[in-house]
N, C-alpha and C. Protein backbone atom coordinates (compact mmCIF):
# COMPACT_ATOMS: atom_id res chain seq x y z
N MET A 1 -222.30 158.26 -97.04
CA MET A 1 -222.55 156.68 -97.30
C MET A 1 -223.68 156.14 -97.92
N LEU A 2 -223.44 154.89 -99.13
CA LEU A 2 -224.44 154.47 -99.66
C LEU A 2 -225.19 152.96 -99.08
N THR A 3 -226.39 153.86 -98.60
CA THR A 3 -227.27 152.31 -97.88
C THR A 3 -227.47 151.24 -98.81
N THR A 4 -227.86 150.30 -98.76
CA THR A 4 -228.36 149.13 -99.39
C THR A 4 -229.26 148.28 -98.92
N GLU A 5 -230.12 147.49 -99.63
CA GLU A 5 -230.68 146.47 -98.92
C GLU A 5 -230.67 145.16 -99.35
N GLU A 6 -230.39 144.25 -98.53
CA GLU A 6 -229.99 142.94 -99.13
C GLU A 6 -231.74 142.16 -99.24
N ARG A 7 -231.84 141.26 -100.32
CA ARG A 7 -232.41 140.80 -100.74
C ARG A 7 -232.67 139.18 -100.26
N PHE A 8 -233.58 138.61 -99.83
CA PHE A 8 -233.63 137.15 -99.08
C PHE A 8 -232.57 136.15 -100.32
N ASP A 9 -232.27 136.88 -101.58
CA ASP A 9 -231.36 135.50 -102.02
C ASP A 9 -229.74 136.15 -102.13
N GLY A 10 -229.62 136.93 -101.23
CA GLY A 10 -228.12 137.35 -101.18
C GLY A 10 -227.87 138.54 -102.19
N ALA A 11 -228.88 139.06 -103.27
CA ALA A 11 -228.34 140.24 -103.63
C ALA A 11 -228.76 141.18 -103.14
N VAL A 12 -227.94 142.48 -103.57
CA VAL A 12 -227.99 143.90 -103.23
C VAL A 12 -228.55 144.74 -103.58
N GLU A 13 -229.75 145.50 -103.62
CA GLU A 13 -230.49 146.14 -104.23
C GLU A 13 -230.01 147.73 -104.06
N LEU A 14 -229.87 148.21 -104.98
CA LEU A 14 -229.47 149.53 -105.29
C LEU A 14 -230.42 150.31 -105.61
N THR A 15 -230.00 151.88 -105.17
CA THR A 15 -231.34 152.60 -105.25
C THR A 15 -230.52 153.23 -106.96
N LEU A 16 -231.45 153.92 -107.96
CA LEU A 16 -231.15 155.26 -108.79
C LEU A 16 -229.82 155.48 -108.61
N GLU A 17 -229.88 156.55 -107.51
CA GLU A 17 -228.85 157.32 -107.56
C GLU A 17 -227.40 156.83 -107.40
N GLN A 18 -227.29 155.41 -106.53
CA GLN A 18 -226.55 154.20 -106.50
C GLN A 18 -225.87 153.65 -108.04
N VAL A 19 -226.83 153.31 -108.77
CA VAL A 19 -226.46 152.99 -110.17
C VAL A 19 -225.92 153.94 -110.82
N VAL A 20 -226.33 155.06 -110.76
CA VAL A 20 -225.90 156.25 -111.68
C VAL A 20 -224.24 156.74 -110.79
N THR A 21 -224.17 156.23 -109.94
CA THR A 21 -223.23 157.12 -108.98
C THR A 21 -221.62 155.76 -109.36
N LEU A 22 -222.27 154.59 -109.13
CA LEU A 22 -221.60 153.23 -109.50
C LEU A 22 -220.90 153.01 -110.73
N ARG A 23 -221.64 153.61 -111.87
CA ARG A 23 -221.68 153.48 -113.45
C ARG A 23 -221.36 152.08 -113.58
N ARG A 24 -221.91 150.94 -113.60
CA ARG A 24 -221.61 149.66 -113.97
C ARG A 24 -222.80 149.17 -114.43
N PRO A 25 -223.11 147.99 -115.22
CA PRO A 25 -224.44 147.67 -115.84
C PRO A 25 -225.31 147.44 -114.57
N ALA A 26 -226.77 147.39 -114.73
CA ALA A 26 -227.71 147.24 -113.97
C ALA A 26 -228.79 146.86 -114.41
N TRP A 27 -229.94 146.37 -113.47
CA TRP A 27 -231.36 145.75 -114.02
C TRP A 27 -231.89 146.07 -113.36
N THR A 28 -233.28 146.02 -113.56
CA THR A 28 -234.69 146.12 -112.61
C THR A 28 -235.83 146.01 -113.61
N SER A 29 -236.53 145.59 -113.07
CA SER A 29 -238.31 145.31 -113.91
C SER A 29 -239.05 146.65 -113.02
N SER A 30 -240.25 146.69 -113.52
CA SER A 30 -240.95 147.67 -113.77
C SER A 30 -242.45 147.39 -112.72
N GLU A 31 -242.49 148.16 -111.23
CA GLU A 31 -243.04 148.15 -110.28
C GLU A 31 -244.54 147.44 -110.84
N GLN A 32 -245.18 148.13 -112.47
CA GLN A 32 -246.39 147.65 -112.34
C GLN A 32 -246.40 146.09 -113.31
N GLN A 33 -247.46 145.60 -113.67
CA GLN A 33 -247.83 144.04 -114.18
C GLN A 33 -247.40 144.09 -116.17
N ASP A 34 -246.86 145.00 -116.36
CA ASP A 34 -246.51 145.03 -117.57
C ASP A 34 -245.32 144.44 -117.89
N ASP A 35 -244.22 143.82 -117.34
CA ASP A 35 -243.17 143.39 -117.70
C ASP A 35 -242.17 143.84 -118.47
N THR A 36 -242.33 145.24 -118.08
CA THR A 36 -241.20 146.53 -118.66
C THR A 36 -240.10 145.68 -118.06
N GLU A 37 -238.66 145.97 -118.25
CA GLU A 37 -237.14 145.69 -117.76
C GLU A 37 -236.63 146.82 -118.13
N PHE A 38 -235.98 147.19 -117.10
CA PHE A 38 -234.96 148.51 -117.46
C PHE A 38 -233.40 148.04 -116.91
N TYR A 39 -232.68 148.84 -118.06
CA TYR A 39 -231.41 148.27 -117.86
C TYR A 39 -230.25 150.00 -117.78
N PHE A 40 -229.13 149.37 -117.03
CA PHE A 40 -228.38 150.61 -117.45
C PHE A 40 -227.31 150.11 -117.67
N ASP A 41 -226.58 150.70 -118.81
CA ASP A 41 -225.33 150.39 -119.67
C ASP A 41 -223.85 150.85 -118.80
N GLY A 42 -223.97 151.72 -117.96
CA GLY A 42 -222.95 152.22 -117.34
C GLY A 42 -223.04 153.91 -117.84
N VAL A 43 -223.79 154.16 -118.71
CA VAL A 43 -223.87 155.39 -119.33
C VAL A 43 -225.45 155.86 -119.34
N HIS A 44 -226.44 154.59 -120.19
CA HIS A 44 -228.02 155.46 -120.38
C HIS A 44 -228.57 154.48 -120.09
N PHE A 45 -229.88 155.08 -119.81
CA PHE A 45 -230.93 154.05 -119.32
C PHE A 45 -231.73 153.07 -120.59
N TRP A 46 -232.14 152.10 -120.71
CA TRP A 46 -232.98 151.55 -121.68
C TRP A 46 -233.89 150.84 -120.88
N ARG A 47 -234.94 150.60 -121.86
CA ARG A 47 -236.79 150.22 -121.40
C ARG A 47 -236.96 148.84 -122.31
N GLN A 48 -236.84 148.05 -121.82
CA GLN A 48 -237.42 146.53 -122.82
C GLN A 48 -238.36 146.10 -122.35
N ARG A 49 -239.53 146.32 -123.52
CA ARG A 49 -241.27 145.69 -122.95
C ARG A 49 -241.35 144.56 -123.90
N PRO A 50 -241.87 143.68 -123.62
CA PRO A 50 -242.08 142.40 -124.49
C PRO A 50 -242.40 142.86 -126.06
N GLY A 51 -241.69 142.19 -126.73
CA GLY A 51 -241.73 142.26 -127.82
C GLY A 51 -241.34 143.32 -128.95
N TRP A 52 -240.62 144.26 -128.01
CA TRP A 52 -240.32 145.39 -128.30
C TRP A 52 -238.85 145.32 -128.23
N LEU A 53 -238.19 146.51 -129.40
CA LEU A 53 -236.61 146.47 -129.07
C LEU A 53 -236.29 147.24 -128.06
N HIS A 54 -235.11 147.63 -127.45
CA HIS A 54 -234.72 148.12 -126.25
C HIS A 54 -235.24 149.94 -127.08
N GLN A 55 -235.45 150.68 -125.99
CA GLN A 55 -235.74 151.92 -126.16
C GLN A 55 -235.23 152.75 -124.82
N LEU A 56 -234.06 153.52 -125.40
CA LEU A 56 -233.17 154.59 -124.39
C LEU A 56 -234.50 155.38 -123.65
N THR A 57 -233.98 155.45 -122.61
CA THR A 57 -234.88 155.96 -121.97
C THR A 57 -234.43 156.82 -120.52
N PRO A 58 -235.19 158.21 -120.58
CA PRO A 58 -234.58 158.99 -119.65
C PRO A 58 -234.64 158.75 -117.90
N PRO A 59 -233.90 158.92 -117.22
CA PRO A 59 -233.77 158.67 -115.82
C PRO A 59 -235.03 158.91 -115.18
N SER A 60 -235.81 159.93 -115.53
CA SER A 60 -236.74 160.51 -114.78
C SER A 60 -238.07 159.34 -115.02
N GLU A 61 -237.90 158.47 -115.76
CA GLU A 61 -239.17 157.65 -116.43
C GLU A 61 -238.39 155.48 -115.78
N VAL A 62 -237.39 155.90 -115.27
CA VAL A 62 -237.28 154.65 -114.65
C VAL A 62 -237.27 154.63 -113.29
N PRO A 63 -237.37 152.93 -112.60
CA PRO A 63 -237.91 152.93 -110.88
C PRO A 63 -236.54 153.45 -110.12
N ALA A 64 -237.18 154.22 -109.39
CA ALA A 64 -236.10 154.80 -108.10
C ALA A 64 -235.31 153.63 -107.31
N ASP A 65 -235.83 152.43 -107.14
CA ASP A 65 -234.73 151.40 -106.28
C ASP A 65 -235.03 149.97 -107.28
N GLY A 66 -234.47 149.20 -106.24
CA GLY A 66 -234.52 147.92 -106.75
C GLY A 66 -233.51 147.17 -107.61
N TRP A 67 -232.58 148.20 -108.11
CA TRP A 67 -231.80 148.11 -109.41
C TRP A 67 -230.57 146.84 -108.54
N LEU A 68 -230.39 145.91 -109.59
CA LEU A 68 -229.41 145.06 -109.28
C LEU A 68 -227.85 144.85 -109.87
N HIS A 69 -226.62 144.70 -109.52
CA HIS A 69 -225.78 144.44 -110.45
C HIS A 69 -225.68 142.64 -110.67
N SER A 70 -225.11 142.39 -111.54
CA SER A 70 -224.42 141.14 -111.70
C SER A 70 -224.22 140.25 -110.20
N GLY A 71 -224.19 139.43 -110.25
CA GLY A 71 -223.81 138.20 -109.18
C GLY A 71 -222.30 138.44 -108.95
N GLU A 72 -221.37 138.68 -110.41
CA GLU A 72 -220.30 138.63 -109.72
C GLU A 72 -219.47 140.01 -109.82
N CYS A 73 -220.38 140.96 -109.51
CA CYS A 73 -219.94 142.46 -109.29
C CYS A 73 -218.97 142.44 -108.10
N SER A 74 -218.00 143.18 -108.39
CA SER A 74 -217.30 143.67 -107.39
C SER A 74 -216.99 144.82 -106.89
N CYS A 75 -217.97 146.04 -107.19
CA CYS A 75 -217.68 146.90 -106.51
C CYS A 75 -218.29 146.98 -105.17
N ALA A 76 -217.80 148.12 -104.90
CA ALA A 76 -217.96 148.70 -103.43
C ALA A 76 -218.91 147.92 -102.43
N VAL A 77 -220.30 148.40 -103.35
CA VAL A 77 -221.27 147.95 -102.45
C VAL A 77 -221.97 146.54 -102.56
N CYS A 78 -221.56 145.72 -104.04
CA CYS A 78 -221.69 144.66 -103.85
C CYS A 78 -220.70 143.43 -102.91
N ARG A 79 -219.40 143.70 -103.43
CA ARG A 79 -218.43 142.67 -103.16
C ARG A 79 -218.72 142.01 -101.49
N PRO A 80 -218.50 141.38 -101.40
CA PRO A 80 -218.92 140.34 -99.80
C PRO A 80 -218.20 141.12 -98.61
N ARG A 81 -218.87 141.33 -97.78
CA ARG A 81 -218.42 141.70 -96.94
C ARG A 81 -217.78 140.38 -95.46
N THR A 82 -216.55 140.85 -95.14
CA THR A 82 -215.95 139.98 -94.47
C THR A 82 -216.45 140.30 -92.84
N ARG A 83 -216.33 139.10 -91.98
CA ARG A 83 -216.51 139.88 -90.74
C ARG A 83 -215.46 139.39 -89.97
N LEU A 84 -215.03 140.15 -89.06
CA LEU A 84 -213.97 139.69 -88.23
C LEU A 84 -214.53 139.22 -87.03
N THR A 85 -213.49 138.26 -86.69
CA THR A 85 -213.56 137.41 -85.59
C THR A 85 -212.41 137.57 -84.38
N ALA A 86 -212.92 137.23 -83.13
CA ALA A 86 -211.72 137.52 -82.35
C ALA A 86 -210.76 136.11 -82.23
């Protein structure tokens, strides 16, 4: 089962493995202070540095966690979980 971590803003943080498995667009920021952002288009990973064009990036060079899907994502991990009440 894919485990997730929910953030204070309600967004679900995904791991790199989940991003690859779900094959939906996702993004995250570098853990470093260089403002590098990473994107996954469902097939390839891309790096975006301030002032640079997007650069194709191997999975070995992207963060292992902290990935996000759009707020409207309805995949099995992101869709709202309903509570059953008696």
